[in-house]
Each structure stands twice: as C-alpha cells, then as structure tokens.
Amino acid sequence: MRTASSPTTSLLTVSDLRVNLGGAPVLRGVGLTVAAGEVAGLLGPNGVGKTTLLRAISGVAPSAAGHVQVHGATLAALGRRRLAQMVAVVQQLPEAPPELRVEELVLLGRTPHLGLLARESTRDYAIARQAMRRAGCAMLAERALGTLSGGQRRRAFIARALAQEPALLLLDEPTANLDVQAQGETFELLRQLAAEGVGVLVAVHDLTLAAAYCDRVVLLHEGRIVAVGTPAEVITADIVHRVYGAHVDVIHHPVHGAPIVVPARLEATRDH
C-alpha cells in the first residue's frame, strides 16, 4: 500500500509500540507521527487496536516495548501532571458521576494547571466558559450529566478536553451516534484547533468523514499500521477491500475532491 512521508516537525512520535492485553498482542510495532497544526485520522475495522493505541499514547495502557514521545520527551520523563497539561483525551464512552454539572466537569480540565490545594481562579472559570462555548454546550452549564443526551454529553467532555489547553488532543470516535450537523460541527472545531497549532489524532469510523476533514489518515489493521498518507492516497476501493473486506466505490467530491466511500452494488445490471 502506498504511504506518504510524515510531517517534518512532530509533536507526537510513536516508535515500535507494542501492547499486550491479557497476554495477547494488540499492537505490534506501531509507529506514527502527528505534527502541530495537523488533524490526523486513525482508521481501521473494529477491534484492530485503535482505542488501545490512543490509551497507550495517553499513558493509560502500559506498553510492552517501544516509545511514545510528546515534544521529544518520553511519557516517563514528562510525568503524569506535565503529560495531563499537554495531552487531552476524549474517550469513546467517557464516564463521570451523573449528578456532576457540566460546568463542574469542564472545570476538571483545569486541574493539571492548578497548584497543590489551589482553587480555580477567575481565569480558570473564563477558560472553562470559553471551552463550553466552543464545544457548543454553554447553554448546558448548569445541567447535570445524567440529564443529557448522548450528543450533549460528548460536547461536554470535548469542552473539558479544551479546558486543558492541550498541545495534543486525542479523540476516540467523537462523532459516534451524532447527527450529520453535529458531526460536521465537531470536525470543524477540530480544524479550528489545528489552525491554532494543536495536534489532533482522532479515531474515526466513517471513512468519508475522515476524508473530508483529516490532513492525513493512518490505517490500522491487526495491530499494525498498513498505510499512512493523504485521504486520497489511503482511502481507495482496493485498500478498503483488502483491510475491511468490503466492496466499495470511491468517488470524489465535486468541490474539494475528497474521497467519498459508498457500498458497491454487486448485482449485475440489466438493460431494460
């Protein structure tokens, strides 16, 4: 499969990363980079290790071998607090007490920046409010998490990540179960963050959505990266069939040219 060169200035560098879960290998020598100002999409069928990779990058899943570096420093060298200041994570199924108000959740994003026993300052509250506005949940500030819809909860957790003011943002399927408008708004926000210099690595299930918004995509299969490149280089009918086992047609958007993936009609056509 065709690959493309990596960005020259890497915010995130993953080298020969290997992770075992329950004694079984899940990641088998994964290497990738994400540059500051880039939206990189992490693609692959279900169960190939996308979530595990994001957890390993954030220091949650222990690695058996390899290295993860952020701004050239390993996770061990950074330490937990510094890592939390630099890297924010939006999990696929985030958890928090249902009685917690949205504003309280978002303020937790400021915790890595507070000193020992310090309380949130006026600036911290301002950053949290701005994060809620950007994530589209400012009107939910006083609502308890347990009263929110799935889409509203996702916006709240994205706002918490923004409140961390991270250099690197990791997201696991942030648009799952969202309607088309919410999907577009979420990825437009990621594009805005990248324009401000944030590096974004986002696991995406929808290939067409990834193609429309990601600068590069990384295709993971059976614990290994099998292709890296622009969406046009990686999201082809041949590669999708080989990795996903699906017969698809790949056409190109008439305005911006990004690939659009649709299921192929396999039945023979008949002339009438």
C-alpha atoms as a PDB file:
ATOM      1  CA  MET A   1       0.000   0.000   0.000  1.00  0.00           C
ATOM      2  CA  ARG A   2       1.181   3.476  -0.792  1.00  0.00           C
ATOM      3  CA  THR A   3       2.487   5.546   2.089  1.00  0.00           C
ATOM      4  CA  ALA A   4       3.292   9.216   2.403  1.00  0.00           C
ATOM      5  CA  SER A   5       6.126  10.911   4.222  1.00  0.00           C
ATOM      6  CA  SER A   6       5.471  12.097   7.762  1.00  0.00           C
ATOM      7  CA  PRO A   7       5.439  15.757   8.799  1.00  0.00           C
ATOM      8  CA  THR A   8       8.919  17.109   9.402  1.00  0.00           C
ATOM      9  CA  THR A   9       8.119  18.649  12.799  1.00  0.00           C
ATOM     10  CA  SER A  10       6.437  16.107  15.048  1.00  0.00           C
ATOM     11  CA  LEU A  11       4.509  16.959  18.162  1.00  0.00           C
ATOM     12  CA  LEU A  12       3.804  13.264  18.760  1.00  0.00           C
ATOM     13  CA  THR A  13       6.177  10.455  17.815  1.00  0.00           C
ATOM     14  CA  VAL A  14       5.290   6.805  18.376  1.00  0.00           C
ATOM     15  CA  SER A  15       8.083   4.316  17.697  1.00  0.00           C
ATOM     16  CA  ASP A  16       7.788   0.498  17.502  1.00  0.00           C
ATOM     17  CA  LEU A  17       4.983   0.482  20.070  1.00  0.00           C
ATOM     18  CA  ARG A  18       3.877  -2.923  21.287  1.00  0.00           C
ATOM     19  CA  VAL A  19       0.992  -3.517  23.680  1.00  0.00           C
ATOM     20  CA  ASN A  20      -0.297  -6.817  25.061  1.00  0.00           C
ATOM     21  CA  LEU A  21      -3.676  -7.267  26.720  1.00  0.00           C
ATOM     22  CA  GLY A  22      -4.431 -10.458  28.595  1.00  0.00           C
ATOM     23  CA  GLY A  23      -1.191 -11.913  27.284  1.00  0.00           C
ATOM     24  CA  ALA A  24      -2.234 -11.415  23.661  1.00  0.00           C
ATOM     25  CA  PRO A  25      -0.558  -8.878  21.353  1.00  0.00           C
ATOM     26  CA  VAL A  26      -2.838  -5.981  20.398  1.00  0.00           C
ATOM     27  CA  LEU A  27      -0.338  -3.514  18.940  1.00  0.00           C
ATOM     28  CA  ARG A  28       2.587  -4.959  17.003  1.00  0.00           C
ATOM     29  CA  GLY A  29       5.325  -2.412  16.374  1.00  0.00           C
ATOM     30  CA  VAL A  30       3.228   0.658  15.652  1.00  0.00           C
ATOM     31  CA  GLY A  31       4.959   3.841  14.545  1.00  0.00           C
ATOM     32  CA  LEU A  32       3.356   7.165  13.649  1.00  0.00           C
ATOM     33  CA  THR A  33       3.740  10.919  13.982  1.00  0.00           C
ATOM     34  CA  VAL A  34       1.373  13.831  14.414  1.00  0.00           C
ATOM     35  CA  ALA A  35       2.508  17.377  13.733  1.00  0.00           C
ATOM     36  CA  ALA A  36       1.377  20.518  15.494  1.00  0.00           C
ATOM     37  CA  GLY A  37      -1.444  22.005  13.441  1.00  0.00           C
ATOM     38  CA  GLU A  38      -2.445  18.684  11.885  1.00  0.00           C
ATOM     39  CA  VAL A  39      -5.647  16.649  12.057  1.00  0.00           C
ATOM     40  CA  ALA A  40      -4.655  13.001  11.665  1.00  0.00           C
ATOM     41  CA  GLY A  41      -7.364  10.360  11.359  1.00  0.00           C
ATOM     42  CA  LEU A  42      -6.891   6.904  12.858  1.00  0.00           C
ATOM     43  CA  LEU A  43      -8.808   4.389  10.750  1.00  0.00           C
ATOM     44  CA  GLY A  44      -9.390   0.648  10.805  1.00  0.00           C
ATOM     45  CA  PRO A  45     -12.042  -2.014  11.345  1.00  0.00           C
ATOM     46  CA  ASN A  46     -13.488  -2.621  14.787  1.00  0.00           C
ATOM     47  CA  GLY A  47     -11.175  -4.432  17.173  1.00  0.00           C
ATOM     48  CA  VAL A  48      -7.873  -3.664  15.458  1.00  0.00           C
ATOM     49  CA  GLY A  49      -6.401  -1.656  18.345  1.00  0.00           C
ATOM     50  CA  LYS A  50      -7.398   1.981  17.704  1.00  0.00           C
ATOM     51  CA  THR A  51      -8.645   2.568  21.250  1.00  0.00           C
ATOM     52  CA  THR A  52      -5.666   0.714  22.724  1.00  0.00           C
ATOM     53  CA  LEU A  53      -3.301   2.890  20.705  1.00  0.00           C
ATOM     54  CA  LEU A  54      -4.910   6.083  21.980  1.00  0.00           C
ATOM     55  CA  ARG A  55      -4.781   4.742  25.546  1.00  0.00           C
ATOM     56  CA  ALA A  56      -1.110   3.864  25.181  1.00  0.00           C
ATOM     57  CA  ILE A  57      -0.281   7.311  23.800  1.00  0.00           C
ATOM     58  CA  SER A  58      -2.016   8.919  26.782  1.00  0.00           C
ATOM     59  CA  GLY A  59      -0.131   6.680  29.215  1.00  0.00           C
ATOM     60  CA  VAL A  60      -3.148   4.657  30.353  1.00  0.00           C
ATOM     61  CA  ALA A  61      -2.378   1.345  28.633  1.00  0.00           C
ATOM     62  CA  PRO A  62       1.113   0.059  29.525  1.00  0.00           C
ATOM     63  CA  SER A  63       3.341  -0.799  26.601  1.00  0.00           C
ATOM     64  CA  ALA A  64       5.471  -3.922  26.321  1.00  0.00           C
ATOM     65  CA  ALA A  65       8.011  -2.209  24.075  1.00  0.00           C
ATOM     66  CA  GLY A  66       8.580   0.937  22.074  1.00  0.00           C
ATOM     67  CA  HIS A  67       8.368   4.634  22.853  1.00  0.00           C
ATOM     68  CA  VAL A  68       5.853   7.461  22.884  1.00  0.00           C
ATOM     69  CA  GLN A  69       7.262  10.987  22.801  1.00  0.00           C
ATOM     70  CA  VAL A  70       5.461  14.315  23.084  1.00  0.00           C
ATOM     71  CA  HIS A  71       7.571  17.326  22.112  1.00  0.00           C
ATOM     72  CA  GLY A  72      10.562  14.965  22.141  1.00  0.00           C
ATOM     73  CA  ALA A  73      10.088  13.791  25.731  1.00  0.00           C
ATOM     74  CA  THR A  74       9.016  10.284  26.720  1.00  0.00           C
ATOM     75  CA  LEU A  75       5.911   9.758  28.835  1.00  0.00           C
ATOM     76  CA  ALA A  76       8.075   8.709  31.788  1.00  0.00           C
ATOM     77  CA  ALA A  77      10.188  11.854  31.520  1.00  0.00           C
ATOM     78  CA  LEU A  78       7.135  14.097  31.347  1.00  0.00           C
ATOM     79  CA  GLY A  79       5.408  12.660  34.403  1.00  0.00           C
ATOM     80  CA  ARG A  80       1.669  12.465  34.937  1.00  0.00           C
ATOM     81  CA  ARG A  81       0.977  16.131  35.672  1.00  0.00           C
ATOM     82  CA  ARG A  82       3.001  17.535  32.793  1.00  0.00           C
ATOM     83  CA  LEU A  83       1.514  14.937  30.442  1.00  0.00           C
ATOM     84  CA  ALA A  84      -2.004  15.995  31.510  1.00  0.00           C
ATOM     85  CA  GLN A  85      -1.110  19.609  30.780  1.00  0.00           C
ATOM     86  CA  MET A  86      -0.004  18.722  27.266  1.00  0.00           C
ATOM     87  CA  VAL A  87      -2.329  15.888  26.208  1.00  0.00           C
ATOM     88  CA  ALA A  88      -6.128  15.814  26.495  1.00  0.00           C
ATOM     89  CA  VAL A  89      -8.238  12.747  25.763  1.00  0.00           C
ATOM     90  CA  VAL A  90     -11.883  12.380  24.777  1.00  0.00           C
ATOM     91  CA  GLN A  91     -12.843   8.750  25.271  1.00  0.00           C
ATOM     92  CA  GLN A  92     -15.467   6.959  23.231  1.00  0.00           C
ATOM     93  CA  LEU A  93     -17.576   6.188  26.305  1.00  0.00           C
ATOM     94  CA  PRO A  94     -16.442   8.683  28.955  1.00  0.00           C
ATOM     95  CA  GLU A  95     -17.694   8.267  32.495  1.00  0.00           C
ATOM     96  CA  ALA A  96     -18.410  10.764  35.242  1.00  0.00           C
ATOM     97  CA  PRO A  97     -20.870  10.982  38.156  1.00  0.00           C
ATOM     98  CA  PRO A  98     -24.352  11.649  36.715  1.00  0.00           C
ATOM     99  CA  GLU A  99     -25.031  14.367  39.288  1.00  0.00           C
ATOM    100  CA  LEU A 100     -21.971  16.377  38.183  1.00  0.00           C
ATOM    101  CA  ARG A 101     -22.917  19.617  36.450  1.00  0.00           C
ATOM    102  CA  VAL A 102     -21.442  20.349  33.033  1.00  0.00           C
ATOM    103  CA  GLU A 103     -19.553  23.387  34.322  1.00  0.00           C
ATOM    104  CA  GLU A 104     -18.030  21.296  37.110  1.00  0.00           C
ATOM    105  CA  LEU A 105     -16.957  18.649  34.599  1.00  0.00           C
ATOM    106  CA  VAL A 106     -15.339  21.213  32.312  1.00  0.00           C
ATOM    107  CA  LEU A 107     -13.515  22.846  35.229  1.00  0.00           C
ATOM    108  CA  LEU A 108     -11.851  19.486  35.894  1.00  0.00           C
ATOM    109  CA  GLY A 109      -9.895  20.184  32.737  1.00  0.00           C
ATOM    110  CA  ARG A 110      -8.079  22.921  34.629  1.00  0.00           C
ATOM    111  CA  THR A 111      -6.874  20.532  37.370  1.00  0.00           C
ATOM    112  CA  PRO A 112      -3.460  19.771  35.799  1.00  0.00           C
ATOM    113  CA  HIS A 113      -2.711  23.512  35.738  1.00  0.00           C
ATOM    114  CA  LEU A 114      -3.546  24.141  39.405  1.00  0.00           C
ATOM    115  CA  GLY A 115      -1.025  24.032  42.202  1.00  0.00           C
ATOM    116  CA  LEU A 116      -1.405  21.723  45.187  1.00  0.00           C
ATOM    117  CA  LEU A 117      -4.636  22.564  47.071  1.00  0.00           C
ATOM    118  CA  ALA A 118      -5.183  25.558  44.786  1.00  0.00           C
ATOM    119  CA  ARG A 119      -8.707  26.569  43.779  1.00  0.00           C
ATOM    120  CA  GLU A 120      -9.841  27.669  40.343  1.00  0.00           C
ATOM    121  CA  SER A 121      -9.138  31.299  39.579  1.00  0.00           C
ATOM    122  CA  THR A 122     -11.184  33.801  37.607  1.00  0.00           C
ATOM    123  CA  ARG A 123      -9.011  32.913  34.624  1.00  0.00           C
ATOM    124  CA  ASP A 124      -9.772  29.206  35.010  1.00  0.00           C
ATOM    125  CA  TYR A 125     -13.511  29.923  35.001  1.00  0.00           C
ATOM    126  CA  ALA A 126     -13.104  32.096  31.912  1.00  0.00           C
ATOM    127  CA  ILE A 127     -11.203  29.330  30.115  1.00  0.00           C
ATOM    128  CA  ALA A 128     -13.910  26.815  31.050  1.00  0.00           C
ATOM    129  CA  ARG A 129     -16.674  29.109  29.760  1.00  0.00           C
ATOM    130  CA  GLN A 130     -14.813  29.643  26.507  1.00  0.00           C
ATOM    131  CA  ALA A 131     -14.325  25.878  26.153  1.00  0.00           C
ATOM    132  CA  MET A 132     -18.061  25.309  26.620  1.00  0.00           C
ATOM    133  CA  ARG A 133     -18.868  27.952  24.016  1.00  0.00           C
ATOM    134  CA  ARG A 134     -16.507  26.400  21.503  1.00  0.00           C
ATOM    135  CA  ALA A 135     -17.849  22.914  22.118  1.00  0.00           C
ATOM    136  CA  GLY A 136     -21.439  24.129  21.800  1.00  0.00           C
ATOM    137  CA  CYS A 137     -22.554  23.315  25.329  1.00  0.00           C
ATOM    138  CA  ALA A 138     -22.521  26.685  27.110  1.00  0.00           C
ATOM    139  CA  MET A 139     -26.294  26.527  27.481  1.00  0.00           C
ATOM    140  CA  LEU A 140     -25.885  23.258  29.391  1.00  0.00           C
ATOM    141  CA  ALA A 141     -23.529  24.616  32.063  1.00  0.00           C
ATOM    142  CA  GLU A 142     -25.957  24.105  34.947  1.00  0.00           C
ATOM    143  CA  ARG A 143     -27.337  20.769  33.721  1.00  0.00           C
ATOM    144  CA  ALA A 144     -26.382  17.506  35.431  1.00  0.00           C
ATOM    145  CA  LEU A 145     -24.645  14.993  33.187  1.00  0.00           C
ATOM    146  CA  GLY A 146     -27.308  12.424  33.964  1.00  0.00           C
ATOM    147  CA  THR A 147     -29.946  14.599  32.280  1.00  0.00           C
ATOM    148  CA  LEU A 148     -28.080  14.967  28.973  1.00  0.00           C
ATOM    149  CA  SER A 149     -28.463  13.130  25.697  1.00  0.00           C
ATOM    150  CA  GLY A 150     -25.532  11.190  24.303  1.00  0.00           C
ATOM    151  CA  GLY A 151     -24.611  14.005  21.928  1.00  0.00           C
ATOM    152  CA  GLN A 152     -24.783  16.616  24.678  1.00  0.00           C
ATOM    153  CA  ARG A 153     -22.517  14.503  26.896  1.00  0.00           C
ATOM    154  CA  ARG A 154     -19.970  14.258  24.094  1.00  0.00           C
ATOM    155  CA  ARG A 155     -19.920  18.038  23.742  1.00  0.00           C
ATOM    156  CA  ALA A 156     -19.394  18.404  27.496  1.00  0.00           C
ATOM    157  CA  PHE A 157     -16.427  16.029  27.507  1.00  0.00           C
ATOM    158  CA  ILE A 158     -14.924  17.753  24.470  1.00  0.00           C
ATOM    159  CA  ALA A 159     -15.241  21.031  26.379  1.00  0.00           C
ATOM    160  CA  ARG A 160     -13.384  19.504  29.330  1.00  0.00           C
ATOM    161  CA  ALA A 161     -10.559  18.500  26.983  1.00  0.00           C
ATOM    162  CA  LEU A 162     -10.433  22.018  25.518  1.00  0.00           C
ATOM    163  CA  ALA A 163     -10.228  23.493  29.021  1.00  0.00           C
ATOM    164  CA  GLN A 164      -6.938  21.647  29.470  1.00  0.00           C
ATOM    165  CA  GLU A 165      -5.471  23.852  26.714  1.00  0.00           C
ATOM    166  CA  PRO A 166      -3.593  20.836  25.336  1.00  0.00           C
ATOM    167  CA  ALA A 167      -0.877  20.774  22.719  1.00  0.00           C
ATOM    168  CA  LEU A 168      -2.136  17.339  21.618  1.00  0.00           C
ATOM    169  CA  LEU A 169      -5.776  16.246  21.514  1.00  0.00           C
ATOM    170  CA  LEU A 170      -6.700  12.547  21.281  1.00  0.00           C
ATOM    171  CA  LEU A 171     -10.294  11.613  20.455  1.00  0.00           C
ATOM    172  CA  ASP A 172     -11.878   8.167  20.179  1.00  0.00           C
ATOM    173  CA  GLU A 173     -14.886   8.194  17.826  1.00  0.00           C
ATOM    174  CA  PRO A 174     -16.108  11.644  18.967  1.00  0.00           C
ATOM    175  CA  THR A 175     -18.936  11.734  16.405  1.00  0.00           C
ATOM    176  CA  ALA A 176     -20.384   8.257  17.004  1.00  0.00           C
ATOM    177  CA  ASN A 177     -24.192   8.403  17.148  1.00  0.00           C
ATOM    178  CA  LEU A 178     -24.259  12.120  16.344  1.00  0.00           C
ATOM    179  CA  ASP A 179     -26.437  13.540  13.596  1.00  0.00           C
ATOM    180  CA  VAL A 180     -24.917  14.923  10.412  1.00  0.00           C
ATOM    181  CA  GLN A 181     -24.898  18.537  11.589  1.00  0.00           C
ATOM    182  CA  ALA A 182     -23.243  17.669  14.906  1.00  0.00           C
ATOM    183  CA  GLN A 183     -20.632  15.571  13.119  1.00  0.00           C
ATOM    184  CA  GLY A 184     -19.715  18.480  10.875  1.00  0.00           C
ATOM    185  CA  GLU A 185     -19.613  20.944  13.785  1.00  0.00           C
ATOM    186  CA  THR A 186     -17.326  18.637  15.759  1.00  0.00           C
ATOM    187  CA  PHE A 187     -14.840  18.265  12.922  1.00  0.00           C
ATOM    188  CA  GLU A 188     -14.982  21.961  12.081  1.00  0.00           C
ATOM    189  CA  LEU A 189     -13.941  22.583  15.700  1.00  0.00           C
ATOM    190  CA  LEU A 190     -11.033  20.159  15.295  1.00  0.00           C
ATOM    191  CA  ARG A 191      -9.970  22.036  12.160  1.00  0.00           C
ATOM    192  CA  GLN A 192     -10.103  25.333  14.086  1.00  0.00           C
ATOM    193  CA  LEU A 193      -7.962  23.884  16.881  1.00  0.00           C
ATOM    194  CA  ALA A 194      -5.427  22.627  14.358  1.00  0.00           C
ATOM    195  CA  ALA A 195      -5.285  26.097  12.792  1.00  0.00           C
ATOM    196  CA  GLU A 196      -4.319  27.367  16.252  1.00  0.00           C
ATOM    197  CA  GLY A 197      -1.421  24.885  16.423  1.00  0.00           C
ATOM    198  CA  VAL A 198      -2.980  21.948  18.283  1.00  0.00           C
ATOM    199  CA  GLY A 199      -2.103  18.472  17.050  1.00  0.00           C
ATOM    200  CA  VAL A 200      -5.163  16.240  16.697  1.00  0.00           C
ATOM    201  CA  LEU A 201      -5.288  12.447  16.453  1.00  0.00           C
ATOM    202  CA  VAL A 202      -8.858  11.199  16.082  1.00  0.00           C
ATOM    203  CA  ALA A 203     -10.162   7.664  15.665  1.00  0.00           C
ATOM    204  CA  VAL A 204     -12.874   7.759  13.018  1.00  0.00           C
ATOM    205  CA  HIS A 205     -15.288   5.048  11.922  1.00  0.00           C
ATOM    206  CA  ASP A 206     -16.728   6.933   8.931  1.00  0.00           C
ATOM    207  CA  LEU A 207     -14.198   6.908   6.080  1.00  0.00           C
ATOM    208  CA  THR A 208     -15.939   9.685   4.153  1.00  0.00           C
ATOM    209  CA  LEU A 209     -15.963  11.930   7.225  1.00  0.00           C
ATOM    210  CA  ALA A 210     -12.268  11.270   7.797  1.00  0.00           C
ATOM    211  CA  ALA A 211     -11.505  12.044   4.166  1.00  0.00           C
ATOM    212  CA  ALA A 212     -13.347  15.363   4.329  1.00  0.00           C
ATOM    213  CA  TYR A 213     -11.603  16.733   7.421  1.00  0.00           C
ATOM    214  CA  CYS A 214      -8.264  14.973   8.028  1.00  0.00           C
ATOM    215  CA  ASP A 215      -4.933  16.131   6.628  1.00  0.00           C
ATOM    216  CA  ARG A 216      -3.559  12.596   6.809  1.00  0.00           C
ATOM    217  CA  VAL A 217      -5.009   9.238   7.753  1.00  0.00           C
ATOM    218  CA  VAL A 218      -3.353   6.290   9.462  1.00  0.00           C
ATOM    219  CA  LEU A 219      -4.836   2.878   8.674  1.00  0.00           C
ATOM    220  CA  LEU A 220      -4.503   0.262  11.399  1.00  0.00           C
ATOM    221  CA  HIS A 221      -5.174  -3.447  10.833  1.00  0.00           C
ATOM    222  CA  GLU A 222      -4.446  -6.437  13.060  1.00  0.00           C
ATOM    223  CA  GLY A 223      -2.350  -4.295  15.361  1.00  0.00           C
ATOM    224  CA  ARG A 224      -0.133  -2.888  12.626  1.00  0.00           C
ATOM    225  CA  ILE A 225      -0.180   0.277  10.544  1.00  0.00           C
ATOM    226  CA  VAL A 226      -0.678  -0.755   6.947  1.00  0.00           C
ATOM    227  CA  ALA A 227      -0.958   2.646   5.253  1.00  0.00           C
ATOM    228  CA  VAL A 228      -0.280   6.308   6.012  1.00  0.00           C
ATOM    229  CA  GLY A 229      -0.961   9.207   3.704  1.00  0.00           C
ATOM    230  CA  THR A 230      -3.440  11.729   2.486  1.00  0.00           C
ATOM    231  CA  PRO A 231      -7.058  10.544   2.352  1.00  0.00           C
ATOM    232  CA  ALA A 232      -6.819  10.268  -1.436  1.00  0.00           C
ATOM    233  CA  GLU A 233      -3.760   8.020  -1.130  1.00  0.00           C
ATOM    234  CA  VAL A 234      -5.146   5.689   1.530  1.00  0.00           C
ATOM    235  CA  ILE A 235      -8.916   5.617   1.055  1.00  0.00           C
ATOM    236  CA  THR A 236      -9.158   3.711  -2.202  1.00  0.00           C
ATOM    237  CA  ALA A 237     -11.503   0.904  -3.223  1.00  0.00           C
ATOM    238  CA  ASP A 238      -8.621  -1.587  -3.327  1.00  0.00           C
ATOM    239  CA  ILE A 239      -7.264  -0.720   0.130  1.00  0.00           C
ATOM    240  CA  VAL A 240     -10.712  -0.625   1.725  1.00  0.00           C
ATOM    241  CA  HIS A 241     -11.488  -4.056   0.295  1.00  0.00           C
ATOM    242  CA  ARG A 242      -8.192  -5.534   1.495  1.00  0.00           C
ATOM    243  CA  VAL A 243      -8.475  -4.159   5.026  1.00  0.00           C
ATOM    244  CA  TYR A 244     -12.226  -4.039   5.672  1.00  0.00           C
ATOM    245  CA  GLY A 245     -13.261  -6.861   3.345  1.00  0.00           C
ATOM    246  CA  ALA A 246     -15.909  -4.574   1.880  1.00  0.00           C
ATOM    247  CA  HIS A 247     -16.669  -3.919  -1.772  1.00  0.00           C
ATOM    248  CA  VAL A 248     -16.985  -0.162  -2.167  1.00  0.00           C
ATOM    249  CA  ASP A 249     -16.941   2.511  -4.797  1.00  0.00           C
ATOM    250  CA  VAL A 250     -14.776   5.554  -4.104  1.00  0.00           C
ATOM    251  CA  ILE A 251     -15.815   8.721  -5.880  1.00  0.00           C
ATOM    252  CA  HIS A 252     -14.520  12.244  -5.380  1.00  0.00           C
ATOM    253  CA  HIS A 253     -16.338  15.263  -4.033  1.00  0.00           C
ATOM    254  CA  PRO A 254     -17.126  17.702  -6.860  1.00  0.00           C
ATOM    255  CA  VAL A 255     -15.909  20.738  -4.879  1.00  0.00           C
ATOM    256  CA  HIS A 256     -12.922  19.753  -2.720  1.00  0.00           C
ATOM    257  CA  GLY A 257     -12.078  16.390  -4.294  1.00  0.00           C
ATOM    258  CA  ALA A 258     -12.022  14.357  -1.075  1.00  0.00           C
ATOM    259  CA  PRO A 259     -12.878  10.657  -1.422  1.00  0.00           C
ATOM    260  CA  ILE A 260     -16.469   9.589  -0.800  1.00  0.00           C
ATOM    261  CA  VAL A 261     -16.960   5.929   0.060  1.00  0.00           C
ATOM    262  CA  VAL A 262     -20.204   4.172  -0.859  1.00  0.00           C
ATOM    263  CA  PRO A 263     -21.088   0.457  -0.855  1.00  0.00           C
ATOM    264  CA  ALA A 264     -20.692  -1.089  -4.282  1.00  0.00           C
ATOM    265  CA  ARG A 265     -23.750  -2.613  -5.906  1.00  0.00           C
ATOM    266  CA  LEU A 266     -22.601  -6.095  -6.790  1.00  0.00           C
ATOM    267  CA  GLU A 267     -25.624  -7.417  -8.631  1.00  0.00           C
ATOM    268  CA  ALA A 268     -25.342  -7.483 -12.379  1.00  0.00           C
ATOM    269  CA  THR A 269     -27.068  -4.605 -14.122  1.00  0.00           C
ATOM    270  CA  ARG A 270     -29.586  -5.400 -16.778  1.00  0.00           C
ATOM    271  CA  ASP A 271     -30.671  -3.417 -19.763  1.00  0.00           C
ATOM    272  CA  HIS A 272     -34.412  -2.875 -19.966  1.00  0.00           C
END
